[in-house]
Amino acid sequence: MAPRGAGAAIEQSSADWVPRSTFEGKNIIIEYRWSEGKYGRLPGLTAELVHLGIDILVTYGTPATRAAKQAITTIPIVMAISGDAIATGLITRTYLKIADCCRSDINVE
């Protein structure tokens, strides 16, 4: 989920993580949703993705991450870009280590 104008950057980033010819359509499907700067749409977009049965949610920006955090407790949320996650209250632990990023039991809090 991302604001208007972020689409090209996100699509390029996902191309960097996942070579499309190798995985997309075989064992990974990438679903994009755009709020187009209308943050009131974020809860509905989140609900739509959850209904699809996603395994992970990648957010772009603090508003999208906040909406995901409010709606999701069981699906991992990855903040592709965000403001200060501790100052905005998205993360409360200040002692997370790099290794913790690979654990499935830690999410935005």
Foldseek 3Di string as FASTA:
>chain_A
DEEPPCVVVVVVVVCVVDVCVVDDPNPDDDDDDYPNPVLVCLLVVLVVVVVVVDQEAEYEEDSNLVSNVVPDDQHAYHDPDYDPCCVVQQAVDPPDDPVCVPDNNDHRD
